[in-house]
Amino acid sequence: MVCPEEPLSSIQTLDPNCFASLVDAVAASRPGDTIVLQPGMHFCSNVSLRWPLQLVGGGSTTKEAVLICPGGKVDAAIECWASCRIAKLSIRAQPLSCCIRHYNGNLLVDSCSLSNERHPLDHLCSPILMGVSSTEKTGKLSVVKTLIEGGSKAISHMMKTCEPKNVRVVYSNRCLFWFDVA
């Protein structure tokens, strides 16, 4: 469990399984663990998920647990190097940053809200960036019931073989996306 950023005195009185940051929770985790982010604002960048994990927002809606990547350069809030699931989180990236950078493994983004702040160089920004690791392993990205905003594209990729498949978009006041990239 990761508690929102609060004064240290309030963190000390909480459950001993409550970590002060997502970085600390990931460092203490084991493959297959579920990390729950409590409702509130959490600030981080380049959190590397190198083994299978689940990151889940602890609130009843997507907007309650908010992960913010301060950015300023080409950073990502979360970097996925293994099969992971990210659910019920709102992830906001500053200009020239991305919410999620996916390298390999199967990644499921479920019921999230991903957004990039507006920037004059929007063509360089996207909430999801798929990169190639040095070992060039394969993986799959699945996005289900997720709001994607900002940047000129929902997803950017650096692999010539990546193409969105099974794309479904629901338009109302906002757009919800479902798609796979393999």
N, C-alpha and C. Protein backbone atom coordinates (compact mmCIF):
# COMPACT_ATOMS: atom_id res chain seq x y z
N MET A 1 0.84 -1.16 0.00
CA MET A 1 0.00 0.00 0.00
C MET A 1 0.90 1.24 0.00
N VAL A 2 0.57 2.22 -0.81
CA VAL A 2 1.33 3.48 -0.87
C VAL A 2 0.40 4.60 -0.43
N CYS A 3 0.84 5.35 0.57
CA CYS A 3 0.03 6.44 1.10
C CYS A 3 0.31 7.71 0.30
N PRO A 4 -0.68 8.61 0.22
CA PRO A 4 -0.44 9.87 -0.49
C PRO A 4 0.62 10.69 0.24
N GLU A 5 1.23 11.61 -0.50
CA GLU A 5 2.27 12.43 0.10
C GLU A 5 1.66 13.36 1.15
N GLU A 6 2.06 13.13 2.39
CA GLU A 6 1.57 13.89 3.53
C GLU A 6 2.75 14.17 4.44
N PRO A 7 2.56 14.99 5.47
CA PRO A 7 3.65 15.20 6.43
C PRO A 7 4.07 13.87 7.04
N LEU A 8 5.36 13.71 7.33
CA LEU A 8 5.90 12.47 7.84
C LEU A 8 5.17 11.98 9.09
N SER A 9 4.74 12.88 9.98
CA SER A 9 4.08 12.46 11.21
C SER A 9 2.81 11.67 10.93
N SER A 10 2.06 12.02 9.91
CA SER A 10 0.83 11.28 9.62
C SER A 10 1.14 9.94 8.96
N ILE A 11 2.26 9.84 8.24
CA ILE A 11 2.63 8.57 7.63
C ILE A 11 3.08 7.59 8.71
N GLN A 12 3.77 8.05 9.72
CA GLN A 12 4.28 7.18 10.76
C GLN A 12 3.16 6.52 11.56
N THR A 13 1.99 7.14 11.63
CA THR A 13 0.91 6.58 12.43
C THR A 13 0.09 5.56 11.65
N LEU A 14 0.38 5.38 10.37
CA LEU A 14 -0.39 4.47 9.54
C LEU A 14 0.14 3.04 9.65
N ASP A 15 -0.55 2.15 8.99
CA ASP A 15 -0.18 0.74 8.91
C ASP A 15 1.29 0.58 8.52
N PRO A 16 2.03 -0.32 9.18
CA PRO A 16 3.44 -0.50 8.83
C PRO A 16 3.65 -1.01 7.40
N ASN A 17 2.61 -1.55 6.77
CA ASN A 17 2.71 -1.99 5.38
C ASN A 17 2.45 -0.85 4.41
N CYS A 18 2.31 0.37 4.91
CA CYS A 18 2.05 1.54 4.06
C CYS A 18 3.38 2.22 3.77
N PHE A 19 3.77 2.24 2.50
CA PHE A 19 5.03 2.84 2.09
C PHE A 19 4.84 4.32 1.80
N ALA A 20 5.89 5.10 1.99
CA ALA A 20 5.83 6.54 1.78
C ALA A 20 5.85 6.90 0.30
N SER A 21 6.36 6.02 -0.55
CA SER A 21 6.42 6.33 -1.98
C SER A 21 6.23 5.05 -2.80
N LEU A 22 5.87 5.25 -4.05
CA LEU A 22 5.71 4.12 -4.96
C LEU A 22 7.06 3.45 -5.19
N VAL A 23 8.13 4.21 -5.26
CA VAL A 23 9.47 3.65 -5.45
C VAL A 23 9.81 2.69 -4.31
N ASP A 24 9.50 3.08 -3.07
CA ASP A 24 9.75 2.21 -1.91
C ASP A 24 8.91 0.94 -1.98
N ALA A 25 7.65 1.08 -2.37
CA ALA A 25 6.76 -0.08 -2.45
C ALA A 25 7.23 -1.06 -3.52
N VAL A 26 7.65 -0.54 -4.67
CA VAL A 26 8.14 -1.42 -5.75
C VAL A 26 9.43 -2.10 -5.31
N ALA A 27 10.33 -1.38 -4.66
CA ALA A 27 11.59 -1.96 -4.20
C ALA A 27 11.36 -3.11 -3.19
N ALA A 28 10.32 -2.99 -2.38
CA ALA A 28 10.03 -4.02 -1.37
C ALA A 28 9.14 -5.14 -1.90
N SER A 29 8.66 -5.01 -3.12
CA SER A 29 7.72 -6.00 -3.66
C SER A 29 8.42 -7.23 -4.19
N ARG A 30 7.59 -8.25 -4.42
CA ARG A 30 8.06 -9.49 -5.04
C ARG A 30 7.22 -9.74 -6.29
N PRO A 31 7.71 -10.55 -7.20
CA PRO A 31 6.91 -10.86 -8.39
C PRO A 31 5.51 -11.35 -8.02
N GLY A 32 4.50 -10.78 -8.69
CA GLY A 32 3.12 -11.17 -8.46
C GLY A 32 2.40 -10.34 -7.40
N ASP A 33 3.10 -9.46 -6.70
CA ASP A 33 2.47 -8.63 -5.68
C ASP A 33 1.52 -7.60 -6.29
N THR A 34 0.58 -7.14 -5.48
CA THR A 34 -0.31 -6.05 -5.85
C THR A 34 0.02 -4.86 -4.96
N ILE A 35 0.29 -3.72 -5.58
CA ILE A 35 0.56 -2.48 -4.85
C ILE A 35 -0.66 -1.59 -5.01
N VAL A 36 -1.25 -1.19 -3.89
CA VAL A 36 -2.44 -0.34 -3.90
C VAL A 36 -2.03 1.08 -3.55
N LEU A 37 -2.35 2.02 -4.43
CA LEU A 37 -2.09 3.42 -4.15
C LEU A 37 -3.34 4.02 -3.52
N GLN A 38 -3.21 4.49 -2.31
CA GLN A 38 -4.35 5.07 -1.60
C GLN A 38 -4.79 6.35 -2.30
N PRO A 39 -6.06 6.74 -2.12
CA PRO A 39 -6.54 7.99 -2.72
C PRO A 39 -5.65 9.17 -2.31
N GLY A 40 -5.39 10.04 -3.26
CA GLY A 40 -4.55 11.21 -3.02
C GLY A 40 -3.56 11.39 -4.16
N MET A 41 -2.66 12.35 -4.01
CA MET A 41 -1.66 12.67 -5.04
C MET A 41 -0.35 11.97 -4.70
N HIS A 42 0.24 11.32 -5.70
CA HIS A 42 1.52 10.64 -5.56
C HIS A 42 2.43 11.18 -6.66
N PHE A 43 3.66 11.60 -6.32
CA PHE A 43 4.59 12.17 -7.29
C PHE A 43 5.74 11.20 -7.51
N CYS A 44 6.02 10.89 -8.78
CA CYS A 44 7.15 10.01 -9.08
C CYS A 44 7.49 10.10 -10.55
N SER A 45 8.67 9.61 -10.91
CA SER A 45 9.02 9.49 -12.32
C SER A 45 9.98 8.32 -12.46
N ASN A 46 9.89 7.68 -13.62
CA ASN A 46 10.75 6.55 -13.97
C ASN A 46 10.73 5.42 -12.94
N VAL A 47 9.53 5.07 -12.46
CA VAL A 47 9.39 3.92 -11.57
C VAL A 47 9.47 2.68 -12.45
N SER A 48 10.51 1.87 -12.28
CA SER A 48 10.73 0.69 -13.12
C SER A 48 10.07 -0.53 -12.52
N LEU A 49 9.16 -1.13 -13.29
CA LEU A 49 8.54 -2.39 -12.90
C LEU A 49 9.29 -3.48 -13.65
N ARG A 50 10.23 -4.13 -12.98
CA ARG A 50 11.10 -5.09 -13.62
C ARG A 50 10.66 -6.54 -13.40
N TRP A 51 9.61 -6.75 -12.60
CA TRP A 51 9.03 -8.07 -12.42
C TRP A 51 7.52 -7.93 -12.42
N PRO A 52 6.78 -9.03 -12.63
CA PRO A 52 5.31 -8.93 -12.73
C PRO A 52 4.70 -8.33 -11.46
N LEU A 53 3.94 -7.25 -11.63
CA LEU A 53 3.27 -6.56 -10.53
C LEU A 53 1.92 -6.05 -10.98
N GLN A 54 1.09 -5.72 -10.01
CA GLN A 54 -0.16 -5.01 -10.27
C GLN A 54 -0.12 -3.70 -9.50
N LEU A 55 -0.41 -2.59 -10.18
CA LEU A 55 -0.57 -1.29 -9.53
C LEU A 55 -2.04 -0.94 -9.63
N VAL A 56 -2.68 -0.76 -8.50
CA VAL A 56 -4.12 -0.54 -8.47
C VAL A 56 -4.43 0.68 -7.61
N GLY A 57 -5.30 1.54 -8.12
CA GLY A 57 -5.77 2.68 -7.34
C GLY A 57 -6.71 2.19 -6.25
N GLY A 58 -6.56 2.72 -5.05
CA GLY A 58 -7.34 2.26 -3.91
C GLY A 58 -8.71 2.90 -3.77
N GLY A 59 -9.02 3.88 -4.56
CA GLY A 59 -10.32 4.54 -4.45
C GLY A 59 -11.39 3.78 -5.21
N SER A 60 -12.62 4.29 -5.10
CA SER A 60 -13.73 3.65 -5.82
C SER A 60 -13.81 4.11 -7.27
N THR A 61 -13.14 5.23 -7.60
CA THR A 61 -13.11 5.72 -8.99
C THR A 61 -11.67 5.96 -9.42
N THR A 62 -11.49 6.12 -10.72
CA THR A 62 -10.17 6.36 -11.30
C THR A 62 -9.54 7.66 -10.79
N LYS A 63 -10.36 8.66 -10.51
CA LYS A 63 -9.84 9.99 -10.17
C LYS A 63 -9.34 10.13 -8.73
N GLU A 64 -9.50 9.11 -7.91
CA GLU A 64 -9.12 9.24 -6.51
C GLU A 64 -7.63 9.05 -6.24
N ALA A 65 -7.00 8.08 -6.91
CA ALA A 65 -5.56 7.86 -6.76
C ALA A 65 -4.89 8.44 -8.00
N VAL A 66 -4.11 9.52 -7.80
CA VAL A 66 -3.52 10.26 -8.92
C VAL A 66 -1.99 10.17 -8.82
N LEU A 67 -1.39 9.70 -9.91
CA LEU A 67 0.06 9.60 -10.01
C LEU A 67 0.53 10.70 -10.94
N ILE A 68 1.43 11.57 -10.47
CA ILE A 68 1.89 12.70 -11.27
C ILE A 68 3.38 12.56 -11.55
N CYS A 69 3.74 12.65 -12.83
CA CYS A 69 5.14 12.62 -13.25
C CYS A 69 5.56 14.06 -13.51
N PRO A 70 6.40 14.65 -12.63
CA PRO A 70 6.79 16.04 -12.80
C PRO A 70 7.50 16.31 -14.11
N GLY A 71 8.27 15.36 -14.60
CA GLY A 71 8.87 15.45 -15.94
C GLY A 71 9.79 16.62 -16.13
N GLY A 72 9.65 17.25 -17.31
CA GLY A 72 10.54 18.33 -17.70
C GLY A 72 11.51 17.88 -18.77
N LYS A 73 11.78 16.60 -18.80
CA LYS A 73 12.57 16.00 -19.87
C LYS A 73 11.84 14.72 -20.26
N VAL A 74 12.42 13.89 -21.04
CA VAL A 74 11.71 12.71 -21.51
C VAL A 74 11.71 11.65 -20.40
N ASP A 75 10.78 11.79 -19.48
CA ASP A 75 10.60 10.86 -18.38
C ASP A 75 9.28 10.13 -18.57
N ALA A 76 9.08 9.11 -17.77
CA ALA A 76 7.80 8.40 -17.73
C ALA A 76 7.44 8.22 -16.27
N ALA A 77 6.17 8.26 -15.95
CA ALA A 77 5.76 7.97 -14.58
C ALA A 77 6.11 6.52 -14.26
N ILE A 78 5.75 5.61 -15.17
CA ILE A 78 5.97 4.17 -14.96
C ILE A 78 6.66 3.58 -16.18
N GLU A 79 7.69 2.78 -15.95
CA GLU A 79 8.36 2.03 -17.01
C GLU A 79 8.10 0.55 -16.78
N CYS A 80 7.52 -0.13 -17.76
CA CYS A 80 7.19 -1.56 -17.63
C CYS A 80 8.18 -2.41 -18.39
N TRP A 81 8.89 -3.26 -17.66
CA TRP A 81 9.88 -4.16 -18.24
C TRP A 81 9.43 -5.61 -18.10
N ALA A 82 8.24 -5.84 -17.54
CA ALA A 82 7.73 -7.20 -17.32
C ALA A 82 6.22 -7.17 -17.48
N SER A 83 5.60 -8.32 -17.37
CA SER A 83 4.14 -8.38 -17.47
C SER A 83 3.52 -7.73 -16.24
N CYS A 84 2.69 -6.72 -16.45
CA CYS A 84 2.10 -5.96 -15.34
C CYS A 84 0.67 -5.59 -15.66
N ARG A 85 -0.05 -5.21 -14.62
CA ARG A 85 -1.41 -4.68 -14.75
C ARG A 85 -1.47 -3.37 -13.99
N ILE A 86 -2.00 -2.34 -14.65
CA ILE A 86 -2.20 -1.03 -14.02
C ILE A 86 -3.68 -0.74 -14.11
N ALA A 87 -4.34 -0.52 -12.97
CA ALA A 87 -5.79 -0.37 -12.95
C ALA A 87 -6.23 0.73 -12.00
N LYS A 88 -7.33 1.37 -12.36
CA LYS A 88 -8.00 2.39 -11.54
C LYS A 88 -7.08 3.51 -11.07
N LEU A 89 -6.18 3.95 -11.95
CA LEU A 89 -5.28 5.05 -11.62
C LEU A 89 -5.47 6.19 -12.60
N SER A 90 -5.28 7.39 -12.12
CA SER A 90 -5.19 8.56 -12.97
C SER A 90 -3.71 8.93 -13.01
N ILE A 91 -3.12 8.91 -14.21
CA ILE A 91 -1.70 9.22 -14.35
C ILE A 91 -1.58 10.47 -15.20
N ARG A 92 -0.90 11.49 -14.66
CA ARG A 92 -0.72 12.76 -15.37
C ARG A 92 0.75 13.01 -15.60
N ALA A 93 1.10 13.29 -16.84
CA ALA A 93 2.50 13.57 -17.18
C ALA A 93 2.63 15.02 -17.61
N GLN A 94 3.71 15.63 -17.22
CA GLN A 94 4.01 17.01 -17.61
C GLN A 94 4.49 17.02 -19.05
N PRO A 95 4.62 18.20 -19.67
CA PRO A 95 5.08 18.27 -21.06
C PRO A 95 6.38 17.50 -21.28
N LEU A 96 6.46 16.86 -22.42
CA LEU A 96 7.60 16.07 -22.87
C LEU A 96 7.85 14.83 -22.01
N SER A 97 6.88 14.43 -21.21
CA SER A 97 6.94 13.19 -20.45
C SER A 97 5.81 12.30 -20.93
N CYS A 98 5.85 11.04 -20.53
CA CYS A 98 4.73 10.16 -20.86
C CYS A 98 4.25 9.49 -19.57
N CYS A 99 3.04 8.99 -19.61
CA CYS A 99 2.47 8.32 -18.44
C CYS A 99 3.10 6.95 -18.25
N ILE A 100 3.14 6.18 -19.34
CA ILE A 100 3.64 4.80 -19.28
C ILE A 100 4.60 4.57 -20.44
N ARG A 101 5.77 4.03 -20.14
CA ARG A 101 6.71 3.58 -21.18
C ARG A 101 6.78 2.06 -21.06
N HIS A 102 6.38 1.36 -22.14
CA HIS A 102 6.31 -0.10 -22.14
C HIS A 102 7.45 -0.67 -22.98
N TYR A 103 8.29 -1.49 -22.36
CA TYR A 103 9.42 -2.08 -23.07
C TYR A 103 9.13 -3.52 -23.49
N ASN A 104 8.77 -4.38 -22.55
CA ASN A 104 8.45 -5.75 -22.89
C ASN A 104 7.55 -6.35 -21.82
N GLY A 105 7.09 -7.58 -22.10
CA GLY A 105 6.11 -8.21 -21.23
C GLY A 105 4.71 -7.80 -21.67
N ASN A 106 3.73 -8.44 -21.10
CA ASN A 106 2.34 -8.12 -21.40
C ASN A 106 1.84 -7.10 -20.39
N LEU A 107 1.39 -5.97 -20.89
CA LEU A 107 0.92 -4.89 -20.02
C LEU A 107 -0.57 -4.68 -20.26
N LEU A 108 -1.35 -4.71 -19.18
CA LEU A 108 -2.78 -4.42 -19.24
C LEU A 108 -3.02 -3.10 -18.50
N VAL A 109 -3.56 -2.12 -19.22
CA VAL A 109 -3.95 -0.84 -18.62
C VAL A 109 -5.47 -0.86 -18.59
N ASP A 110 -6.06 -0.94 -17.39
CA ASP A 110 -7.49 -1.18 -17.23
C ASP A 110 -8.15 -0.08 -16.40
N SER A 111 -9.15 0.56 -16.97
CA SER A 111 -9.96 1.56 -16.26
C SER A 111 -9.10 2.67 -15.66
N CYS A 112 -8.23 3.23 -16.48
CA CYS A 112 -7.34 4.31 -16.05
C CYS A 112 -7.67 5.60 -16.78
N SER A 113 -7.04 6.67 -16.34
CA SER A 113 -7.10 7.95 -17.03
C SER A 113 -5.66 8.39 -17.24
N LEU A 114 -5.24 8.51 -18.50
CA LEU A 114 -3.87 8.91 -18.83
C LEU A 114 -3.91 10.25 -19.53
N SER A 115 -3.12 11.21 -19.04
CA SER A 115 -3.15 12.53 -19.68
C SER A 115 -1.78 13.18 -19.68
N ASN A 116 -1.51 13.90 -20.77
CA ASN A 116 -0.32 14.73 -20.90
C ASN A 116 -0.77 16.19 -20.84
N GLU A 117 0.02 17.01 -20.16
CA GLU A 117 -0.24 18.44 -20.16
C GLU A 117 -0.03 18.97 -21.57
N ARG A 118 -0.78 19.98 -21.93
CA ARG A 118 -0.65 20.59 -23.26
C ARG A 118 0.73 21.23 -23.40
N HIS A 119 1.28 21.19 -24.61
CA HIS A 119 2.61 21.72 -24.87
C HIS A 119 2.70 22.10 -26.34
N PRO A 120 3.45 23.15 -26.68
CA PRO A 120 3.59 23.52 -28.08
C PRO A 120 4.18 22.40 -28.94
N LEU A 121 4.93 21.50 -28.34
CA LEU A 121 5.52 20.38 -29.08
C LEU A 121 4.71 19.11 -28.87
N ASP A 122 3.38 19.21 -28.96
CA ASP A 122 2.52 18.06 -28.73
C ASP A 122 2.84 16.87 -29.63
N HIS A 123 3.40 17.14 -30.80
CA HIS A 123 3.73 16.03 -31.70
C HIS A 123 4.84 15.14 -31.13
N LEU A 124 5.53 15.60 -30.09
CA LEU A 124 6.56 14.80 -29.44
C LEU A 124 6.04 14.08 -28.21
N CYS A 125 4.78 14.30 -27.85
CA CYS A 125 4.23 13.76 -26.62
C CYS A 125 3.16 12.72 -26.90
N SER A 126 3.05 11.74 -26.04
CA SER A 126 1.93 10.81 -26.05
C SER A 126 1.86 10.17 -24.67
N PRO A 127 0.65 9.87 -24.20
CA PRO A 127 0.53 9.26 -22.88
C PRO A 127 1.20 7.90 -22.76
N ILE A 128 1.23 7.11 -23.85
CA ILE A 128 1.87 5.79 -23.81
C ILE A 128 2.97 5.76 -24.87
N LEU A 129 4.16 5.33 -24.46
CA LEU A 129 5.28 5.20 -25.37
C LEU A 129 5.77 3.75 -25.33
N MET A 130 5.82 3.13 -26.47
CA MET A 130 6.36 1.76 -26.54
C MET A 130 7.78 1.86 -27.07
N GLY A 131 8.74 1.34 -26.30
CA GLY A 131 10.13 1.38 -26.71
C GLY A 131 10.66 -0.02 -26.90
N VAL A 132 11.87 -0.10 -27.35
CA VAL A 132 12.52 -1.38 -27.55
C VAL A 132 13.63 -1.50 -26.51
N SER A 133 13.64 -2.59 -25.78
CA SER A 133 14.70 -2.79 -24.80
C SER A 133 15.95 -3.28 -25.52
N SER A 134 17.05 -3.31 -24.82
CA SER A 134 18.30 -3.75 -25.44
C SER A 134 18.23 -5.22 -25.82
N THR A 135 17.40 -6.00 -25.15
CA THR A 135 17.28 -7.42 -25.48
C THR A 135 16.17 -7.66 -26.50
N GLU A 136 15.40 -6.64 -26.83
CA GLU A 136 14.32 -6.69 -27.81
C GLU A 136 13.37 -7.87 -27.62
N LYS A 137 12.92 -8.07 -26.39
CA LYS A 137 11.92 -9.10 -26.12
C LYS A 137 10.57 -8.64 -26.66
N THR A 138 9.68 -9.56 -26.82
CA THR A 138 8.36 -9.19 -27.33
C THR A 138 7.39 -8.99 -26.17
N GLY A 139 6.30 -8.33 -26.47
CA GLY A 139 5.29 -8.11 -25.47
C GLY A 139 4.02 -7.63 -26.11
N LYS A 140 3.02 -7.42 -25.29
CA LYS A 140 1.73 -6.96 -25.79
C LYS A 140 1.19 -5.91 -24.83
N LEU A 141 0.60 -4.88 -25.39
CA LEU A 141 -0.05 -3.83 -24.62
C LEU A 141 -1.54 -3.94 -24.87
N SER A 142 -2.33 -4.05 -23.81
CA SER A 142 -3.79 -4.05 -23.92
C SER A 142 -4.33 -2.90 -23.10
N VAL A 143 -5.20 -2.11 -23.71
CA VAL A 143 -5.81 -0.96 -23.04
C VAL A 143 -7.31 -1.19 -23.03
N VAL A 144 -7.92 -1.13 -21.84
CA VAL A 144 -9.34 -1.41 -21.66
C VAL A 144 -9.98 -0.28 -20.87
N LYS A 145 -11.09 0.25 -21.35
CA LYS A 145 -11.85 1.30 -20.65
C LYS A 145 -10.97 2.39 -20.07
N THR A 146 -10.13 2.97 -20.90
CA THR A 146 -9.16 3.97 -20.44
C THR A 146 -9.34 5.28 -21.18
N LEU A 147 -9.37 6.37 -20.43
CA LEU A 147 -9.45 7.72 -20.99
C LEU A 147 -8.03 8.16 -21.31
N ILE A 148 -7.78 8.60 -22.55
CA ILE A 148 -6.45 9.03 -22.97
C ILE A 148 -6.56 10.45 -23.52
N GLU A 149 -5.79 11.38 -22.93
CA GLU A 149 -5.84 12.79 -23.34
C GLU A 149 -4.43 13.34 -23.49
N GLY A 150 -4.27 14.32 -24.39
CA GLY A 150 -3.01 15.04 -24.54
C GLY A 150 -2.10 14.42 -25.56
N GLY A 151 -1.17 15.20 -26.04
CA GLY A 151 -0.27 14.73 -27.07
C GLY A 151 -1.01 14.63 -28.40
N SER A 152 -0.28 14.45 -29.46
CA SER A 152 -0.92 14.36 -30.76
C SER A 152 -1.38 12.94 -31.07
N LYS A 153 -0.90 11.95 -30.31
CA LYS A 153 -1.29 10.55 -30.50
C LYS A 153 -1.51 9.92 -29.13
N ALA A 154 -2.39 8.93 -29.08
CA ALA A 154 -2.61 8.21 -27.83
C ALA A 154 -1.39 7.36 -27.49
N ILE A 155 -0.78 6.80 -28.53
CA ILE A 155 0.36 5.92 -28.31
C ILE A 155 1.42 6.18 -29.38
N SER A 156 2.67 6.20 -28.95
CA SER A 156 3.79 6.30 -29.88
C SER A 156 4.62 5.04 -29.71
N HIS A 157 5.21 4.58 -30.80
CA HIS A 157 6.05 3.40 -30.68
C HIS A 157 7.30 3.56 -31.49
N MET A 158 8.33 2.87 -31.04
CA MET A 158 9.60 2.92 -31.72
C MET A 158 9.88 1.62 -32.45
N MET A 159 8.88 0.75 -32.55
CA MET A 159 9.05 -0.53 -33.24
C MET A 159 8.22 -0.49 -34.51
N LYS A 160 8.80 -0.88 -35.61
CA LYS A 160 8.09 -0.85 -36.88
C LYS A 160 6.97 -1.88 -36.94
N THR A 161 7.03 -2.92 -36.12
CA THR A 161 6.04 -3.99 -36.19
C THR A 161 4.83 -3.73 -35.29
N CYS A 162 4.83 -2.67 -34.52
CA CYS A 162 3.71 -2.40 -33.60
C CYS A 162 2.59 -1.66 -34.30
N GLU A 163 1.40 -2.20 -34.21
CA GLU A 163 0.23 -1.52 -34.74
C GLU A 163 -0.95 -1.79 -33.83
N PRO A 164 -1.76 -0.78 -33.55
CA PRO A 164 -2.96 -1.02 -32.75
C PRO A 164 -3.91 -1.98 -33.48
N LYS A 165 -4.49 -2.90 -32.71
CA LYS A 165 -5.44 -3.88 -33.26
C LYS A 165 -6.68 -3.89 -32.38
N ASN A 166 -7.78 -4.33 -32.94
CA ASN A 166 -9.04 -4.43 -32.18
C ASN A 166 -9.40 -3.12 -31.50
N VAL A 167 -9.29 -2.02 -32.22
CA VAL A 167 -9.53 -0.70 -31.65
C VAL A 167 -11.02 -0.44 -31.53
N ARG A 168 -11.43 -0.02 -30.35
CA ARG A 168 -12.81 0.38 -30.10
C ARG A 168 -12.77 1.67 -29.31
N VAL A 169 -13.54 2.65 -29.72
CA VAL A 169 -13.57 3.94 -29.03
C VAL A 169 -15.02 4.28 -28.75
N VAL A 170 -15.30 4.70 -27.51
CA VAL A 170 -16.64 5.14 -27.14
C VAL A 170 -16.57 6.65 -26.94
N TYR A 171 -17.35 7.39 -27.73
CA TYR A 171 -17.37 8.85 -27.64
C TYR A 171 -18.57 9.29 -26.83
N SER A 172 -18.36 10.15 -25.88
CA SER A 172 -19.43 10.87 -25.18
C SER A 172 -18.83 12.25 -24.94
N ASN A 173 -18.85 12.73 -23.71
CA ASN A 173 -18.15 13.98 -23.42
C ASN A 173 -16.65 13.77 -23.56
N ARG A 174 -16.20 12.56 -23.27
CA ARG A 174 -14.81 12.18 -23.38
C ARG A 174 -14.74 10.84 -24.11
N CYS A 175 -13.58 10.43 -24.51
CA CYS A 175 -13.42 9.18 -25.26
C CYS A 175 -12.82 8.10 -24.36
N LEU A 176 -13.39 6.92 -24.40
CA LEU A 176 -12.81 5.76 -23.74
C LEU A 176 -12.26 4.84 -24.82
N PHE A 177 -11.07 4.28 -24.59
CA PHE A 177 -10.41 3.47 -25.59
C PHE A 177 -10.27 2.01 -25.13
N TRP A 178 -10.37 1.12 -26.10
CA TRP A 178 -10.04 -0.28 -25.96
C TRP A 178 -9.16 -0.63 -27.14
N PHE A 179 -7.97 -1.17 -26.94
CA PHE A 179 -7.16 -1.65 -28.06
C PHE A 179 -6.03 -2.52 -27.57
N ASP A 180 -5.44 -3.25 -28.50
CA ASP A 180 -4.27 -4.10 -28.24
C ASP A 180 -3.17 -3.66 -29.17
N VAL A 181 -1.94 -3.74 -28.71
CA VAL A 181 -0.78 -3.50 -29.56
C VAL A 181 0.14 -4.68 -29.35
N ALA A 182 0.47 -5.37 -30.42
CA ALA A 182 1.35 -6.53 -30.28
C ALA A 182 2.46 -6.45 -31.31
